[in-house]
């Protein structure tokens, strides 16, 4: 796969809400029907995934060769998950899907 996913940053939009900025860069040929499925998990103290707190999807569609697509989306979680994320941060699993296959990227999301 020739798509690279990056978590660029985020900002607070409430006690249990974050606005997240990401990029998907295509380093190969044009990719068609691109979707990015996201799942945010709370973490155990050892860093492994514990419980899904949120999921969502972004569908940029076609990404040309050497093009970078910026996505901004909002993550809202419940109070219990919000406390767990503040305690041990989160894990964001992003699966990039194209006509040529899938790739999953794991990113630690600092909450504090």
PDB file of N, CA and C in Angstrom:
ATOM      1  N   UNK A   1       0.853  -1.177   0.000  1.00  0.00           N
ATOM      2  CA  UNK A   1       0.000   0.000   0.000  1.00  0.00           C
ATOM      3  C   UNK A   1       0.892   1.231   0.000  1.00  0.00           C
ATOM      4  N   UNK A   2       0.472   2.251  -0.686  1.00  0.00           N
ATOM      5  CA  UNK A   2       1.281   3.455  -0.828  1.00  0.00           C
ATOM      6  C   UNK A   2       0.659   4.666  -0.141  1.00  0.00           C
ATOM      7  N   UNK A   3      -0.183   4.426   0.847  1.00  0.00           N
ATOM      8  CA  UNK A   3      -0.804   5.506   1.605  1.00  0.00           C
ATOM      9  C   UNK A   3      -0.188   5.563   2.993  1.00  0.00           C
ATOM     10  N   UNK A   4       0.137   6.780   3.443  1.00  0.00           N
ATOM     11  CA  UNK A   4       0.709   6.976   4.776  1.00  0.00           C
ATOM     12  C   UNK A   4      -0.240   7.830   5.598  1.00  0.00           C
ATOM     13  N   UNK A   5      -0.624   7.328   6.766  1.00  0.00           N
ATOM     14  CA  UNK A   5      -1.535   8.032   7.669  1.00  0.00           C
ATOM     15  C   UNK A   5      -0.734   8.686   8.782  1.00  0.00           C
ATOM     16  N   UNK A   6      -1.054   9.954   9.090  1.00  0.00           N
ATOM     17  CA  UNK A   6      -0.388  10.666  10.176  1.00  0.00           C
ATOM     18  C   UNK A   6      -1.422  11.400  11.021  1.00  0.00           C
ATOM     19  N   UNK A   7      -1.318  11.253  12.332  1.00  0.00           N
ATOM     20  CA  UNK A   7      -2.106  12.050  13.266  1.00  0.00           C
ATOM     21  C   UNK A   7      -1.333  13.347  13.464  1.00  0.00           C
ATOM     22  N   UNK A   8      -1.875  14.459  12.982  1.00  0.00           N
ATOM     23  CA  UNK A   8      -1.166  15.734  12.997  1.00  0.00           C
ATOM     24  C   UNK A   8      -1.318  16.431  14.345  1.00  0.00           C
ATOM     25  N   UNK A   9      -2.493  16.365  14.935  1.00  0.00           N
ATOM     26  CA  UNK A   9      -2.722  17.025  16.214  1.00  0.00           C
ATOM     27  C   UNK A   9      -4.200  17.107  16.507  1.00  0.00           C
ATOM     28  N   UNK A  10      -4.510  17.818  17.557  1.00  0.00           N
ATOM     29  CA  UNK A  10      -5.901  17.955  17.940  1.00  0.00           C
ATOM     30  C   UNK A  10      -6.081  19.062  18.950  1.00  0.00           C
ATOM     31  N   UNK A  11      -7.326  19.345  19.236  1.00  0.00           N
ATOM     32  CA  UNK A  11      -7.635  20.372  20.221  1.00  0.00           C
ATOM     33  C   UNK A  11      -8.891  19.966  20.977  1.00  0.00           C
ATOM     34  N   UNK A  12      -9.048  20.548  22.148  1.00  0.00           N
ATOM     35  CA  UNK A  12     -10.185  20.244  23.005  1.00  0.00           C
ATOM     36  C   UNK A  12     -11.418  20.982  22.508  1.00  0.00           C
ATOM     37  N   UNK A  13     -12.560  20.297  22.481  1.00  0.00           N
ATOM     38  CA  UNK A  13     -13.829  20.948  22.140  1.00  0.00           C
ATOM     39  C   UNK A  13     -14.862  20.687  23.243  1.00  0.00           C
ATOM     40  N   UNK A  14     -14.386  20.279  24.407  1.00  0.00           N
ATOM     41  CA  UNK A  14     -15.221  19.984  25.561  1.00  0.00           C
ATOM     42  C   UNK A  14     -14.521  18.983  26.462  1.00  0.00           C
ATOM     43  N   UNK A  15     -15.123  18.671  27.614  1.00  0.00           N
ATOM     44  CA  UNK A  15     -14.519  17.739  28.576  1.00  0.00           C
ATOM     45  C   UNK A  15     -14.222  16.374  27.963  1.00  0.00           C
ATOM     46  N   UNK A  16     -15.123  15.876  27.134  1.00  0.00           N
ATOM     47  CA  UNK A  16     -14.958  14.538  26.548  1.00  0.00           C
ATOM     48  C   UNK A  16     -14.987  14.600  25.024  1.00  0.00           C
ATOM     49  N   UNK A  17     -14.526  15.702  24.475  1.00  0.00           N
ATOM     50  CA  UNK A  17     -14.556  15.923  23.031  1.00  0.00           C
ATOM     51  C   UNK A  17     -13.201  16.437  22.556  1.00  0.00           C
ATOM     52  N   UNK A  18     -12.748  15.916  21.408  1.00  0.00           N
ATOM     53  CA  UNK A  18     -11.514  16.395  20.784  1.00  0.00           C
ATOM     54  C   UNK A  18     -11.755  16.553  19.288  1.00  0.00           C
ATOM     55  N   UNK A  19     -11.206  17.614  18.725  1.00  0.00           N
ATOM     56  CA  UNK A  19     -11.151  17.780  17.278  1.00  0.00           C
ATOM     57  C   UNK A  19      -9.786  17.261  16.852  1.00  0.00           C
ATOM     58  N   UNK A  20      -9.758  16.316  15.919  1.00  0.00           N
ATOM     59  CA  UNK A  20      -8.528  15.641  15.516  1.00  0.00           C
ATOM     60  C   UNK A  20      -8.208  15.983  14.063  1.00  0.00           C
ATOM     61  N   UNK A  21      -6.937  16.269  13.805  1.00  0.00           N
ATOM     62  CA  UNK A  21      -6.461  16.569  12.455  1.00  0.00           C
ATOM     63  C   UNK A  21      -5.523  15.462  11.996  1.00  0.00           C
ATOM     64  N   UNK A  22      -5.767  14.939  10.794  1.00  0.00           N
ATOM     65  CA  UNK A  22      -4.952  13.855  10.252  1.00  0.00           C
ATOM     66  C   UNK A  22      -4.609  14.149   8.793  1.00  0.00           C
ATOM     67  N   UNK A  23      -3.604  13.438   8.293  1.00  0.00           N
ATOM     68  CA  UNK A  23      -3.308  13.490   6.864  1.00  0.00           C
ATOM     69  C   UNK A  23      -3.184  12.074   6.326  1.00  0.00           C
ATOM     70  N   UNK A  24      -3.525  11.923   5.061  1.00  0.00           N
ATOM     71  CA  UNK A  24      -3.261  10.696   4.315  1.00  0.00           C
ATOM     72  C   UNK A  24      -2.461  11.124   3.089  1.00  0.00           C
ATOM     73  N   UNK A  25      -1.240  10.609   2.976  1.00  0.00           N
ATOM     74  CA  UNK A  25      -0.361  10.951   1.848  1.00  0.00           C
ATOM     75  C   UNK A  25      -0.224   9.741   0.937  1.00  0.00           C
ATOM     76  N   UNK A  26      -0.427   9.985  -0.348  1.00  0.00           N
ATOM     77  CA  UNK A  26      -0.289   8.934  -1.348  1.00  0.00           C
ATOM     78  C   UNK A  26       1.102   9.035  -1.970  1.00  0.00           C
ATOM     79  N   UNK A  27       1.941   8.042  -1.740  1.00  0.00           N
ATOM     80  CA  UNK A  27       3.305   8.045  -2.276  1.00  0.00           C
ATOM     81  C   UNK A  27       3.442   7.151  -3.507  1.00  0.00           C
ATOM     82  N   UNK A  28       2.324   6.662  -4.027  1.00  0.00           N
ATOM     83  CA  UNK A  28       2.352   5.784  -5.201  1.00  0.00           C
ATOM     84  C   UNK A  28       1.434   6.310  -6.284  1.00  0.00           C
ATOM     85  N   UNK A  29       0.835   5.398  -7.021  1.00  0.00           N
ATOM     86  CA  UNK A  29      -0.109   5.748  -8.081  1.00  0.00           C
ATOM     87  C   UNK A  29      -1.438   6.190  -7.483  1.00  0.00           C
ATOM     88  N   UNK A  30      -2.289   6.775  -8.297  1.00  0.00           N
ATOM     89  CA  UNK A  30      -3.602   7.221  -7.850  1.00  0.00           C
ATOM     90  C   UNK A  30      -4.350   6.080  -7.159  1.00  0.00           C
ATOM     91  N   UNK A  31      -4.924   6.380  -5.991  1.00  0.00           N
ATOM     92  CA  UNK A  31      -5.712   5.401  -5.231  1.00  0.00           C
ATOM     93  C   UNK A  31      -7.181   5.791  -5.313  1.00  0.00           C
ATOM     94  N   UNK A  32      -8.024   4.822  -5.630  1.00  0.00           N
ATOM     95  CA  UNK A  32      -9.456   5.064  -5.796  1.00  0.00           C
ATOM     96  C   UNK A  32     -10.241   4.549  -4.596  1.00  0.00           C
ATOM     97  N   UNK A  33     -11.382   5.182  -4.348  1.00  0.00           N
ATOM     98  CA  UNK A  33     -12.314   4.739  -3.298  1.00  0.00           C
ATOM     99  C   UNK A  33     -11.634   4.576  -1.943  1.00  0.00           C
ATOM    100  N   UNK A  34     -10.846   5.567  -1.553  1.00  0.00           N
ATOM    101  CA  UNK A  34     -10.125   5.505  -0.278  1.00  0.00           C
ATOM    102  C   UNK A  34     -11.072   5.843   0.867  1.00  0.00           C
ATOM    103  N   UNK A  35     -11.060   5.014   1.905  1.00  0.00           N
ATOM    104  CA  UNK A  35     -11.750   5.323   3.156  1.00  0.00           C
ATOM    105  C   UNK A  35     -10.778   5.077   4.303  1.00  0.00           C
ATOM    106  N   UNK A  36     -10.972   5.820   5.369  1.00  0.00           N
ATOM    107  CA  UNK A  36     -10.186   5.636   6.586  1.00  0.00           C
ATOM    108  C   UNK A  36     -11.167   5.364   7.713  1.00  0.00           C
ATOM    109  N   UNK A  37     -11.140   4.146   8.241  1.00  0.00           N
ATOM    110  CA  UNK A  37     -12.007   3.765   9.357  1.00  0.00           C
ATOM    111  C   UNK A  37     -11.197   3.885  10.637  1.00  0.00           C
ATOM    112  N   UNK A  38     -11.709   4.656  11.590  1.00  0.00           N
ATOM    113  CA  UNK A  38     -10.992   4.923  12.832  1.00  0.00           C
ATOM    114  C   UNK A  38     -11.696   4.257  14.012  1.00  0.00           C
ATOM    115  N   UNK A  39     -10.918   3.749  14.965  1.00  0.00           N
ATOM    116  CA  UNK A  39     -11.452   3.213  16.224  1.00  0.00           C
ATOM    117  C   UNK A  39     -10.511   3.648  17.341  1.00  0.00           C
ATOM    118  N   UNK A  40     -11.041   4.387  18.315  1.00  0.00           N
ATOM    119  CA  UNK A  40     -10.258   4.856  19.457  1.00  0.00           C
ATOM    120  C   UNK A  40     -10.536   3.949  20.644  1.00  0.00           C
ATOM    121  N   UNK A  41      -9.474   3.427  21.243  1.00  0.00           N
ATOM    122  CA  UNK A  41      -9.581   2.530  22.389  1.00  0.00           C
ATOM    123  C   UNK A  41      -8.950   3.158  23.620  1.00  0.00           C
ATOM    124  N   UNK A  42      -9.552   2.900  24.791  1.00  0.00           N
ATOM    125  CA  UNK A  42      -8.872   3.200  26.042  1.00  0.00           C
ATOM    126  C   UNK A  42      -7.748   2.179  26.182  1.00  0.00           C
ATOM    127  N   UNK A  43      -6.804   2.456  27.111  1.00  0.00           N
ATOM    128  CA  UNK A  43      -5.647   1.560  27.246  1.00  0.00           C
ATOM    129  C   UNK A  43      -5.493   1.085  28.682  1.00  0.00           C
ATOM    130  N   UNK A  44      -4.946  -0.127  28.797  1.00  0.00           N
ATOM    131  CA  UNK A  44      -4.497  -0.619  30.098  1.00  0.00           C
ATOM    132  C   UNK A  44      -3.209   0.115  30.455  1.00  0.00           C
ATOM    133  N   UNK A  45      -2.779   0.025  31.717  1.00  0.00           N
ATOM    134  CA  UNK A  45      -1.538   0.673  32.138  1.00  0.00           C
ATOM    135  C   UNK A  45      -0.334   0.198  31.338  1.00  0.00           C
ATOM    136  N   UNK A  46      -0.368  -1.051  30.847  1.00  0.00           N
ATOM    137  CA  UNK A  46       0.760  -1.567  30.063  1.00  0.00           C
ATOM    138  C   UNK A  46       0.743  -1.064  28.620  1.00  0.00           C
ATOM    139  N   UNK A  47      -0.269  -0.281  28.235  1.00  0.00           N
ATOM    140  CA  UNK A  47      -0.327   0.313  26.908  1.00  0.00           C
ATOM    141  C   UNK A  47      -1.165  -0.423  25.892  1.00  0.00           C
ATOM    142  N   UNK A  48      -1.633  -1.631  26.216  1.00  0.00           N
ATOM    143  CA  UNK A  48      -2.428  -2.391  25.248  1.00  0.00           C
ATOM    144  C   UNK A  48      -3.872  -1.877  25.213  1.00  0.00           C
ATOM    145  N   UNK A  49      -4.559  -2.162  24.117  1.00  0.00           N
ATOM    146  CA  UNK A  49      -5.938  -1.711  23.935  1.00  0.00           C
ATOM    147  C   UNK A  49      -6.862  -2.388  24.937  1.00  0.00           C
ATOM    148  N   UNK A  50      -7.793  -1.609  25.496  1.00  0.00           N
ATOM    149  CA  UNK A  50      -8.706  -2.127  26.513  1.00  0.00           C
ATOM    150  C   UNK A  50     -10.142  -2.184  25.987  1.00  0.00           C
ATOM    151  N   UNK A  51     -10.710  -1.032  25.618  1.00  0.00           N
ATOM    152  CA  UNK A  51     -12.128  -0.965  25.258  1.00  0.00           C
ATOM    153  C   UNK A  51     -12.332   0.106  24.196  1.00  0.00           C
ATOM    154  N   UNK A  52     -13.146  -0.216  23.186  1.00  0.00           N
ATOM    155  CA  UNK A  52     -13.433   0.793  22.163  1.00  0.00           C
ATOM    156  C   UNK A  52     -14.291   1.899  22.760  1.00  0.00           C
ATOM    157  N   UNK A  53     -13.833   3.136  22.595  1.00  0.00           N
ATOM    158  CA  UNK A  53     -14.546   4.290  23.123  1.00  0.00           C
ATOM    159  C   UNK A  53     -15.257   5.081  22.028  1.00  0.00           C
ATOM    160  N   UNK A  54     -14.791   4.946  20.794  1.00  0.00           N
ATOM    161  CA  UNK A  54     -15.346   5.720  19.678  1.00  0.00           C
ATOM    162  C   UNK A  54     -14.931   5.082  18.365  1.00  0.00           C
ATOM    163  N   UNK A  55     -15.772   5.231  17.344  1.00  0.00           N
ATOM    164  CA  UNK A  55     -15.381   4.828  15.991  1.00  0.00           C
ATOM    165  C   UNK A  55     -16.027   5.773  14.987  1.00  0.00           C
ATOM    166  N   UNK A  56     -15.380   5.909  13.855  1.00  0.00           N
ATOM    167  CA  UNK A  56     -15.885   6.784  12.804  1.00  0.00           C
ATOM    168  C   UNK A  56     -15.164   6.510  11.498  1.00  0.00           C
ATOM    169  N   UNK A  57     -15.609   7.171  10.447  1.00  0.00           N
ATOM    170  CA  UNK A  57     -15.026   6.923   9.136  1.00  0.00           C
ATOM    171  C   UNK A  57     -14.951   8.221   8.344  1.00  0.00           C
ATOM    172  N   UNK A  58     -13.873   8.359   7.574  1.00  0.00           N
ATOM    173  CA  UNK A  58     -13.688   9.474   6.653  1.00  0.00           C
ATOM    174  C   UNK A  58     -13.490   8.860   5.275  1.00  0.00           C
ATOM    175  N   UNK A  59     -14.131   9.415   4.258  1.00  0.00           N
ATOM    176  CA  UNK A  59     -14.028   8.848   2.910  1.00  0.00           C
ATOM    177  C   UNK A  59     -13.547   9.916   1.925  1.00  0.00           C
ATOM    178  N   UNK A  60     -12.213  10.088   1.807  1.00  0.00           N
ATOM    179  CA  UNK A  60     -11.710  11.105   0.881  1.00  0.00           C
ATOM    180  C   UNK A  60     -11.890  10.749  -0.590  1.00  0.00           C
ATOM    181  N   UNK A  61     -12.183   9.477  -0.908  1.00  0.00           N
ATOM    182  CA  UNK A  61     -12.404   9.084  -2.300  1.00  0.00           C
ATOM    183  C   UNK A  61     -11.104   8.861  -3.043  1.00  0.00           C
ATOM    184  N   UNK A  62     -10.909   9.560  -4.152  1.00  0.00           N
ATOM    185  CA  UNK A  62      -9.698   9.410  -4.957  1.00  0.00           C
ATOM    186  C   UNK A  62      -8.588  10.299  -4.413  1.00  0.00           C
ATOM    187  N   UNK A  63      -7.398   9.713  -4.244  1.00  0.00           N
ATOM    188  CA  UNK A  63      -6.219  10.482  -3.844  1.00  0.00           C
ATOM    189  C   UNK A  63      -5.176  10.288  -4.941  1.00  0.00           C
ATOM    190  N   UNK A  64      -4.819  11.381  -5.611  1.00  0.00           N
ATOM    191  CA  UNK A  64      -3.866  11.328  -6.720  1.00  0.00           C
ATOM    192  C   UNK A  64      -2.464  11.011  -6.215  1.00  0.00           C
ATOM    193  N   UNK A  65      -1.599  10.601  -7.125  1.00  0.00           N
ATOM    194  CA  UNK A  65      -0.195  10.334  -6.790  1.00  0.00           C
ATOM    195  C   UNK A  65       0.432  11.591  -6.191  1.00  0.00           C
ATOM    196  N   UNK A  66       1.184  11.425  -5.103  1.00  0.00           N
ATOM    197  CA  UNK A  66       1.881  12.510  -4.397  1.00  0.00           C
ATOM    198  C   UNK A  66       0.948  13.549  -3.783  1.00  0.00           C
ATOM    199  N   UNK A  67      -0.320  13.236  -3.639  1.00  0.00           N
ATOM    200  CA  UNK A  67      -1.278  14.148  -3.020  1.00  0.00           C
ATOM    201  C   UNK A  67      -1.408  13.826  -1.531  1.00  0.00           C
ATOM    202  N   UNK A  68      -1.624  14.874  -0.733  1.00  0.00           N
ATOM    203  CA  UNK A  68      -1.899  14.724   0.693  1.00  0.00           C
ATOM    204  C   UNK A  68      -3.291  15.267   0.975  1.00  0.00           C
ATOM    205  N   UNK A  69      -4.110  14.462   1.628  1.00  0.00           N
ATOM    206  CA  UNK A  69      -5.465  14.857   1.993  1.00  0.00           C
ATOM    207  C   UNK A  69      -5.497  15.103   3.498  1.00  0.00           C
ATOM    208  N   UNK A  70      -6.046  16.246   3.901  1.00  0.00           N
ATOM    209  CA  UNK A  70      -6.175  16.593   5.311  1.00  0.00           C
ATOM    210  C   UNK A  70      -7.607  16.312   5.743  1.00  0.00           C
ATOM    211  N   UNK A  71      -7.768  15.643   6.880  1.00  0.00           N
ATOM    212  CA  UNK A  71      -9.096  15.365   7.432  1.00  0.00           C
ATOM    213  C   UNK A  71      -9.173  15.922   8.844  1.00  0.00           C
ATOM    214  N   UNK A  72     -10.302  16.499   9.170  1.00  0.00           N
ATOM    215  CA  UNK A  72     -10.569  16.975  10.522  1.00  0.00           C
ATOM    216  C   UNK A  72     -11.886  16.357  10.961  1.00  0.00           C
ATOM    217  N   UNK A  73     -11.875  15.732  12.143  1.00  0.00           N
ATOM    218  CA  UNK A  73     -13.106  15.134  12.640  1.00  0.00           C
ATOM    219  C   UNK A  73     -13.162  15.268  14.153  1.00  0.00           C
ATOM    220  N   UNK A  74     -14.367  15.113  14.683  1.00  0.00           N
ATOM    221  CA  UNK A  74     -14.616  15.275  16.115  1.00  0.00           C
ATOM    222  C   UNK A  74     -14.818  13.912  16.761  1.00  0.00           C
ATOM    223  N   UNK A  75     -14.158  13.712  17.902  1.00  0.00           N
ATOM    224  CA  UNK A  75     -14.312  12.493  18.692  1.00  0.00           C
ATOM    225  C   UNK A  75     -15.022  12.866  19.985  1.00  0.00           C
ATOM    226  N   UNK A  76     -16.192  12.286  20.213  1.00  0.00           N
ATOM    227  CA  UNK A  76     -16.944  12.479  21.453  1.00  0.00           C
ATOM    228  C   UNK A  76     -17.055  11.140  22.164  1.00  0.00           C
ATOM    229  N   UNK A  77     -16.708  11.110  23.444  1.00  0.00           N
ATOM    230  CA  UNK A  77     -16.800   9.883  24.238  1.00  0.00           C
ATOM    231  C   UNK A  77     -17.602  10.166  25.500  1.00  0.00           C
ATOM    232  N   UNK A  78     -18.027   9.108  26.173  1.00  0.00           N
ATOM    233  CA  UNK A  78     -18.739   9.246  27.436  1.00  0.00           C
ATOM    234  C   UNK A  78     -17.794   9.637  28.566  1.00  0.00           C
ATOM    235  N   UNK A  79     -18.353   9.978  29.702  1.00  0.00           N
ATOM    236  CA  UNK A  79     -17.550  10.436  30.843  1.00  0.00           C
ATOM    237  C   UNK A  79     -16.592   9.357  31.325  1.00  0.00           C
ATOM    238  N   UNK A  80     -17.061   8.110  31.454  1.00  0.00           N
ATOM    239  CA  UNK A  80     -16.193   7.019  31.913  1.00  0.00           C
ATOM    240  C   UNK A  80     -15.015   6.798  30.980  1.00  0.00           C
ATOM    241  N   UNK A  81     -15.281   6.776  29.667  1.00  0.00           N
ATOM    242  CA  UNK A  81     -14.201   6.608  28.700  1.00  0.00           C
ATOM    243  C   UNK A  81     -13.276   7.819  28.705  1.00  0.00           C
ATOM    244  N   UNK A  82     -13.856   9.004  28.880  1.00  0.00           N
ATOM    245  CA  UNK A  82     -13.038  10.217  28.944  1.00  0.00           C
ATOM    246  C   UNK A  82     -12.045  10.166  30.093  1.00  0.00           C
ATOM    247  N   UNK A  83     -12.495   9.690  31.254  1.00  0.00           N
ATOM    248  CA  UNK A  83     -11.593   9.558  32.406  1.00  0.00           C
ATOM    249  C   UNK A  83     -10.512   8.518  32.139  1.00  0.00           C
ATOM    250  N   UNK A  84     -10.887   7.398  31.531  1.00  0.00           N
ATOM    251  CA  UNK A  84      -9.911   6.347  31.214  1.00  0.00           C
ATOM    252  C   UNK A  84      -8.881   6.851  30.207  1.00  0.00           C
ATOM    253  N   UNK A  85      -9.313   7.640  29.231  1.00  0.00           N
ATOM    254  CA  UNK A  85      -8.385   8.190  28.239  1.00  0.00           C
ATOM    255  C   UNK A  85      -7.432   9.194  28.875  1.00  0.00           C
ATOM    256  N   UNK A  86      -7.943  10.021  29.794  1.00  0.00           N
ATOM    257  CA  UNK A  86      -7.067  10.980  30.488  1.00  0.00           C
ATOM    258  C   UNK A  86      -6.020  10.258  31.332  1.00  0.00           C
ATOM    259  N   UNK A  87      -6.403   9.108  31.888  1.00  0.00           N
ATOM    260  CA  UNK A  87      -5.503   8.358  32.767  1.00  0.00           C
ATOM    261  C   UNK A  87      -4.372   7.675  32.005  1.00  0.00           C
ATOM    262  N   UNK A  88      -4.685   7.041  30.871  1.00  0.00           N
ATOM    263  CA  UNK A  88      -3.680   6.243  30.145  1.00  0.00           C
ATOM    264  C   UNK A  88      -3.584   6.579  28.662  1.00  0.00           C
ATOM    265  N   UNK A  89      -4.090   7.740  28.236  1.00  0.00           N
ATOM    266  CA  UNK A  89      -4.124   8.106  26.821  1.00  0.00           C
ATOM    267  C   UNK A  89      -4.973   7.107  26.043  1.00  0.00           C
ATOM    268  N   UNK A  90      -4.907   7.131  24.733  1.00  0.00           N
ATOM    269  CA  UNK A  90      -5.719   6.237  23.917  1.00  0.00           C
ATOM    270  C   UNK A  90      -4.914   5.624  22.796  1.00  0.00           C
ATOM    271  N   UNK A  91      -5.482   4.617  22.167  1.00  0.00           N
ATOM    272  CA  UNK A  91      -4.906   4.005  20.968  1.00  0.00           C
ATOM    273  C   UNK A  91      -5.893   4.218  19.832  1.00  0.00           C
ATOM    274  N   UNK A  92      -5.425   4.817  18.747  1.00  0.00           N
ATOM    275  CA  UNK A  92      -6.258   5.019  17.574  1.00  0.00           C
ATOM    276  C   UNK A  92      -5.818   4.030  16.505  1.00  0.00           C
ATOM    277  N   UNK A  93      -6.727   3.142  16.125  1.00  0.00           N
ATOM    278  CA  UNK A  93      -6.467   2.206  15.035  1.00  0.00           C
ATOM    279  C   UNK A  93      -7.156   2.763  13.796  1.00  0.00           C
ATOM    280  N   UNK A  94      -6.389   2.968  12.747  1.00  0.00           N
ATOM    281  CA  UNK A  94      -6.924   3.487  11.495  1.00  0.00           C
ATOM    282  C   UNK A  94      -6.688   2.459  10.403  1.00  0.00           C
ATOM    283  N   UNK A  95      -7.750   2.023   9.757  1.00  0.00           N
ATOM    284  CA  UNK A  95      -7.634   1.096   8.639  1.00  0.00           C
ATOM    285  C   UNK A  95      -7.890   1.866   7.356  1.00  0.00           C
ATOM    286  N   UNK A  96      -6.854   1.953   6.519  1.00  0.00           N
ATOM    287  CA  UNK A  96      -6.968   2.593   5.214  1.00  0.00           C
ATOM    288  C   UNK A  96      -7.421   1.535   4.220  1.00  0.00           C
ATOM    289  N   UNK A  97      -8.516   1.811   3.529  1.00  0.00           N
ATOM    290  CA  UNK A  97      -9.090   0.849   2.591  1.00  0.00           C
ATOM    291  C   UNK A  97      -9.084   1.453   1.190  1.00  0.00           C
ATOM    292  N   UNK A  98      -8.612   0.667   0.209  1.00  0.00           N
ATOM    293  CA  UNK A  98      -8.648   1.069  -1.194  1.00  0.00           C
ATOM    294  C   UNK A  98      -9.080  -0.138  -2.019  1.00  0.00           C
ATOM    295  N   UNK A  99      -9.203   0.077  -3.311  1.00  0.00           N
ATOM    296  CA  UNK A  99      -9.513  -1.038  -4.213  1.00  0.00           C
ATOM    297  C   UNK A  99      -8.386  -2.060  -4.233  1.00  0.00           C
ATOM    298  N   UNK A 100      -7.183  -1.661  -3.793  1.00  0.00           N
ATOM    299  CA  UNK A 100      -6.015  -2.544  -3.842  1.00  0.00           C
ATOM    300  C   UNK A 100      -5.745  -3.281  -2.537  1.00  0.00           C
ATOM    301  N   UNK A 101      -6.510  -2.996  -1.484  1.00  0.00           N
ATOM    302  CA  UNK A 101      -6.293  -3.692  -0.222  1.00  0.00           C
ATOM    303  C   UNK A 101      -6.452  -2.783   0.976  1.00  0.00           C
ATOM    304  N   UNK A 102      -6.137  -3.316   2.150  1.00  0.00           N
ATOM    305  CA  UNK A 102      -6.287  -2.602   3.418  1.00  0.00           C
ATOM    306  C   UNK A 102      -4.975  -2.592   4.179  1.00  0.00           C
ATOM    307  N   UNK A 103      -4.805  -1.565   5.012  1.00  0.00           N
ATOM    308  CA  UNK A 103      -3.664  -1.492   5.921  1.00  0.00           C
ATOM    309  C   UNK A 103      -4.134  -0.821   7.201  1.00  0.00           C
ATOM    310  N   UNK A 104      -3.757  -1.374   8.359  1.00  0.00           N
ATOM    311  CA  UNK A 104      -4.134  -0.787   9.641  1.00  0.00           C
ATOM    312  C   UNK A 104      -2.917  -0.155  10.293  1.00  0.00           C
ATOM    313  N   UNK A 105      -3.101   1.073  10.787  1.00  0.00           N
ATOM    314  CA  UNK A 105      -2.049   1.839  11.448  1.00  0.00           C
ATOM    315  C   UNK A 105      -2.469   2.053  12.893  1.00  0.00           C
ATOM    316  N   UNK A 106      -1.555   1.847  13.831  1.00  0.00           N
ATOM    317  CA  UNK A 106      -1.822   2.055  15.257  1.00  0.00           C
ATOM    318  C   UNK A 106      -1.090   3.313  15.708  1.00  0.00           C
ATOM    319  N   UNK A 107      -1.814   4.250  16.348  1.00  0.00           N
ATOM    320  CA  UNK A 107      -1.243   5.507  16.804  1.00  0.00           C
ATOM    321  C   UNK A 107      -1.628   5.735  18.259  1.00  0.00           C
ATOM    322  N   UNK A 108      -0.654   6.054  19.109  1.00  0.00           N
ATOM    323  CA  UNK A 108      -0.953   6.436  20.492  1.00  0.00           C
ATOM    324  C   UNK A 108      -1.454   7.875  20.469  1.00  0.00           C
ATOM    325  N   UNK A 109      -2.584   8.108  21.116  1.00  0.00           N
ATOM    326  CA  UNK A 109      -3.184   9.434  21.154  1.00  0.00           C
ATOM    327  C   UNK A 109      -3.015  10.005  22.557  1.00  0.00           C
ATOM    328  N   UNK A 110      -2.115  10.987  22.730  1.00  0.00           N
ATOM    329  CA  UNK A 110      -1.990  11.612  24.046  1.00  0.00           C
ATOM    330  C   UNK A 110      -3.211  12.485  24.317  1.00  0.00           C
ATOM    331  N   UNK A 111      -3.797  12.342  25.488  1.00  0.00           N
ATOM    332  CA  UNK A 111      -5.021  13.069  25.810  1.00  0.00           C
ATOM    333  C   UNK A 111      -4.743  14.296  26.665  1.00  0.00           C
ATOM    334  N   UNK A 112      -3.790  14.230  27.543  1.00  0.00           N
ATOM    335  CA  UNK A 112      -3.508  15.382  28.418  1.00  0.00           C
ATOM    336  C   UNK A 112      -2.736  16.451  27.705  1.00  0.00           C
TER     337      UNK A 112
END
